[in-house]
N, C-alpha and C. Protein backbone atom coordinates (compact mmCIF):
# COMPACT_ATOMS: atom_id res chain seq x y z
N MET A 1 11.14 12.76 -19.61
CA MET A 1 10.86 11.35 -19.46
C MET A 1 12.17 10.61 -19.24
N VAL A 2 12.16 9.67 -18.30
CA VAL A 2 13.34 8.88 -17.99
C VAL A 2 13.36 7.68 -18.92
N ASP A 3 14.48 7.43 -19.53
CA ASP A 3 14.62 6.30 -20.44
C ASP A 3 15.79 5.46 -19.98
N PHE A 4 15.50 4.23 -19.54
CA PHE A 4 16.54 3.33 -19.11
C PHE A 4 16.90 2.42 -20.28
N ILE A 5 17.91 2.81 -21.01
CA ILE A 5 18.33 2.06 -22.18
C ILE A 5 18.81 0.67 -21.76
N GLY A 6 18.27 -0.33 -22.42
CA GLY A 6 18.68 -1.70 -22.14
C GLY A 6 18.02 -2.30 -20.92
N SER A 7 17.13 -1.59 -20.27
CA SER A 7 16.45 -2.09 -19.09
C SER A 7 15.05 -2.53 -19.48
N TYR A 8 14.81 -3.82 -19.45
CA TYR A 8 13.52 -4.36 -19.88
C TYR A 8 12.93 -5.26 -18.81
N VAL A 9 11.63 -5.40 -18.82
CA VAL A 9 10.93 -6.39 -18.00
C VAL A 9 10.01 -7.17 -18.93
N THR A 10 9.66 -8.35 -18.51
CA THR A 10 8.75 -9.17 -19.30
C THR A 10 7.34 -8.95 -18.78
N VAL A 11 6.42 -8.68 -19.69
CA VAL A 11 5.02 -8.52 -19.36
C VAL A 11 4.26 -9.60 -20.12
N SER A 12 3.47 -10.39 -19.41
CA SER A 12 2.71 -11.44 -20.10
C SER A 12 1.26 -11.37 -19.70
N THR A 13 0.41 -11.94 -20.54
CA THR A 13 -1.02 -11.95 -20.28
C THR A 13 -1.64 -13.16 -20.97
N LYS A 14 -2.80 -13.54 -20.52
CA LYS A 14 -3.53 -14.62 -21.18
C LYS A 14 -4.55 -14.01 -22.13
N VAL A 15 -4.62 -14.58 -23.32
CA VAL A 15 -5.54 -14.10 -24.36
C VAL A 15 -6.21 -15.33 -24.96
N ARG A 16 -7.48 -15.20 -25.27
CA ARG A 16 -8.19 -16.32 -25.88
C ARG A 16 -7.50 -16.75 -27.18
N ARG A 17 -7.44 -18.03 -27.39
CA ARG A 17 -6.79 -18.59 -28.56
C ARG A 17 -7.36 -18.01 -29.85
N GLU A 18 -8.68 -17.84 -29.89
CA GLU A 18 -9.33 -17.30 -31.09
C GLU A 18 -8.81 -15.91 -31.43
N VAL A 19 -8.61 -15.12 -30.40
CA VAL A 19 -8.12 -13.75 -30.61
C VAL A 19 -6.71 -13.79 -31.20
N VAL A 20 -5.87 -14.64 -30.65
CA VAL A 20 -4.50 -14.75 -31.15
C VAL A 20 -4.50 -15.23 -32.60
N GLU A 21 -5.32 -16.22 -32.89
CA GLU A 21 -5.38 -16.74 -34.26
C GLU A 21 -5.86 -15.67 -35.24
N ARG A 22 -6.87 -14.90 -34.85
CA ARG A 22 -7.36 -13.83 -35.73
C ARG A 22 -6.31 -12.75 -35.91
N ALA A 23 -5.62 -12.41 -34.82
CA ALA A 23 -4.57 -11.39 -34.90
C ALA A 23 -3.47 -11.84 -35.88
N LYS A 24 -3.10 -13.10 -35.80
CA LYS A 24 -2.07 -13.62 -36.71
C LYS A 24 -2.55 -13.54 -38.16
N ARG A 25 -3.82 -13.93 -38.39
CA ARG A 25 -4.37 -13.87 -39.75
C ARG A 25 -4.39 -12.44 -40.27
N LEU A 26 -4.58 -11.49 -39.37
CA LEU A 26 -4.62 -10.07 -39.75
C LEU A 26 -3.21 -9.47 -39.87
N GLY A 27 -2.21 -10.26 -39.56
CA GLY A 27 -0.84 -9.78 -39.69
C GLY A 27 -0.39 -8.90 -38.54
N ILE A 28 -1.05 -9.01 -37.40
CA ILE A 28 -0.67 -8.21 -36.23
C ILE A 28 0.52 -8.87 -35.55
N ASN A 29 1.56 -8.10 -35.33
CA ASN A 29 2.75 -8.59 -34.65
C ASN A 29 2.45 -8.66 -33.16
N LEU A 30 2.33 -9.87 -32.63
CA LEU A 30 1.90 -10.06 -31.24
C LEU A 30 2.95 -9.64 -30.22
N SER A 31 4.16 -9.41 -30.65
CA SER A 31 5.18 -8.89 -29.74
C SER A 31 5.19 -7.37 -29.75
N GLU A 32 5.13 -6.82 -30.95
CA GLU A 32 5.23 -5.36 -31.09
C GLU A 32 3.96 -4.64 -30.67
N PHE A 33 2.80 -5.21 -30.94
CA PHE A 33 1.53 -4.53 -30.69
C PHE A 33 1.36 -4.08 -29.23
N PRO A 34 1.46 -4.99 -28.25
CA PRO A 34 1.28 -4.53 -26.86
C PRO A 34 2.38 -3.57 -26.42
N ARG A 35 3.59 -3.77 -26.93
CA ARG A 35 4.71 -2.89 -26.58
C ARG A 35 4.40 -1.46 -27.05
N ARG A 36 3.95 -1.36 -28.31
CA ARG A 36 3.64 -0.05 -28.89
C ARG A 36 2.45 0.61 -28.19
N LYS A 37 1.39 -0.18 -27.93
CA LYS A 37 0.19 0.37 -27.30
C LYS A 37 0.48 0.84 -25.87
N LEU A 38 1.26 0.08 -25.13
CA LEU A 38 1.61 0.48 -23.77
C LEU A 38 2.42 1.77 -23.78
N LYS A 39 3.36 1.86 -24.70
CA LYS A 39 4.18 3.07 -24.81
C LYS A 39 3.31 4.27 -25.17
N GLU A 40 2.39 4.10 -26.12
CA GLU A 40 1.49 5.19 -26.51
C GLU A 40 0.63 5.65 -25.34
N LYS A 41 0.12 4.70 -24.56
CA LYS A 41 -0.73 5.03 -23.42
C LYS A 41 0.05 5.83 -22.37
N VAL A 42 1.25 5.37 -22.06
CA VAL A 42 2.08 6.06 -21.05
C VAL A 42 2.45 7.46 -21.53
N GLU A 43 2.86 7.57 -22.80
CA GLU A 43 3.22 8.88 -23.33
C GLU A 43 2.01 9.81 -23.36
N GLY A 44 0.83 9.27 -23.63
CA GLY A 44 -0.39 10.08 -23.62
C GLY A 44 -0.69 10.61 -22.23
N GLU A 45 -0.49 9.77 -21.21
CA GLU A 45 -0.73 10.20 -19.83
C GLU A 45 0.26 11.29 -19.43
N VAL A 46 1.51 11.13 -19.83
CA VAL A 46 2.53 12.15 -19.52
C VAL A 46 2.15 13.46 -20.20
N GLU A 47 1.69 13.38 -21.44
CA GLU A 47 1.28 14.59 -22.16
C GLU A 47 0.08 15.25 -21.48
N LEU A 48 -0.87 14.45 -21.02
CA LEU A 48 -2.05 14.99 -20.32
C LEU A 48 -1.64 15.70 -19.04
N ILE A 49 -0.76 15.09 -18.27
CA ILE A 49 -0.29 15.71 -17.03
C ILE A 49 0.46 17.00 -17.32
N THR A 50 1.27 16.99 -18.35
CA THR A 50 2.01 18.20 -18.73
C THR A 50 1.06 19.33 -19.09
N ARG A 51 0.02 19.01 -19.89
CA ARG A 51 -0.96 20.04 -20.27
C ARG A 51 -1.69 20.58 -19.05
N ARG A 52 -2.05 19.71 -18.12
CA ARG A 52 -2.75 20.16 -16.91
C ARG A 52 -1.87 21.06 -16.06
N LEU A 53 -0.59 20.71 -15.96
CA LEU A 53 0.33 21.56 -15.19
C LEU A 53 0.48 22.93 -15.84
N ILE A 54 0.53 22.96 -17.16
CA ILE A 54 0.61 24.25 -17.86
C ILE A 54 -0.65 25.07 -17.59
N GLU A 55 -1.82 24.40 -17.62
CA GLU A 55 -3.07 25.10 -17.34
C GLU A 55 -3.10 25.65 -15.92
N LEU A 56 -2.46 24.96 -14.99
CA LEU A 56 -2.45 25.37 -13.59
C LEU A 56 -1.29 26.29 -13.24
N SER A 57 -0.44 26.60 -14.20
CA SER A 57 0.77 27.36 -13.89
C SER A 57 0.46 28.72 -13.28
N ASP A 58 -0.60 29.40 -13.73
CA ASP A 58 -0.95 30.70 -13.14
C ASP A 58 -1.33 30.55 -11.67
N VAL A 59 -2.08 29.51 -11.36
CA VAL A 59 -2.48 29.26 -9.98
C VAL A 59 -1.26 28.92 -9.14
N LEU A 60 -0.41 28.07 -9.67
CA LEU A 60 0.78 27.67 -8.93
C LEU A 60 1.74 28.84 -8.73
N ASP A 61 1.83 29.70 -9.74
CA ASP A 61 2.70 30.87 -9.62
C ASP A 61 2.20 31.85 -8.57
N ALA A 62 0.90 31.85 -8.32
CA ALA A 62 0.31 32.79 -7.36
C ALA A 62 0.52 32.36 -5.91
N ILE A 63 0.97 31.13 -5.71
CA ILE A 63 1.19 30.65 -4.34
C ILE A 63 2.44 31.29 -3.77
N ASP A 64 2.27 31.92 -2.62
CA ASP A 64 3.38 32.58 -1.95
C ASP A 64 4.05 31.57 -1.01
N ILE A 65 5.08 30.92 -1.50
CA ILE A 65 5.76 29.86 -0.76
C ILE A 65 6.37 30.41 0.53
N GLU A 66 6.96 31.60 0.45
CA GLU A 66 7.58 32.18 1.65
C GLU A 66 6.56 32.40 2.75
N ARG A 67 5.36 32.81 2.36
CA ARG A 67 4.28 33.02 3.35
C ARG A 67 3.89 31.69 3.99
N ILE A 68 3.78 30.65 3.20
CA ILE A 68 3.42 29.34 3.72
C ILE A 68 4.50 28.85 4.68
N VAL A 69 5.76 29.00 4.28
CA VAL A 69 6.87 28.57 5.14
C VAL A 69 6.84 29.34 6.45
N ARG A 70 6.59 30.64 6.37
CA ARG A 70 6.53 31.47 7.58
C ARG A 70 5.43 30.99 8.52
N HIS A 71 4.25 30.70 7.98
CA HIS A 71 3.14 30.22 8.81
C HIS A 71 3.43 28.85 9.42
N VAL A 72 4.06 27.97 8.66
CA VAL A 72 4.40 26.66 9.19
C VAL A 72 5.39 26.80 10.33
N ARG A 73 6.38 27.66 10.14
CA ARG A 73 7.38 27.86 11.21
C ARG A 73 6.75 28.48 12.44
N GLU A 74 5.80 29.41 12.23
CA GLU A 74 5.10 29.99 13.38
C GLU A 74 4.27 28.96 14.11
N ASP A 75 3.60 28.07 13.37
CA ASP A 75 2.79 27.04 14.00
C ASP A 75 3.66 26.05 14.77
N ARG A 76 4.82 25.75 14.25
CA ARG A 76 5.73 24.82 14.95
C ARG A 76 6.24 25.44 16.24
N GLY A 77 6.40 26.75 16.23
CA GLY A 77 6.90 27.45 17.42
C GLY A 77 5.87 27.55 18.52
N SER A 78 4.60 27.32 18.22
CA SER A 78 3.53 27.44 19.23
C SER A 78 3.50 26.27 20.16
């Protein structure tokens, strides 16, 4: 995972006033919550992709790259 230390962007959204008021009453940190949830979601997606690649590793290992390159070069020569 690439981590750009000190590199931030601002993300904003509109939320109903009632939701914000309830969140405050519940002690939810309105700055930290979306930051943490977004990070969790992205890390979960990266983990899912990693697991899928591991599951496909046998299939990917079986691909004969040299054969594909040879066929592409032959087709270009035609």
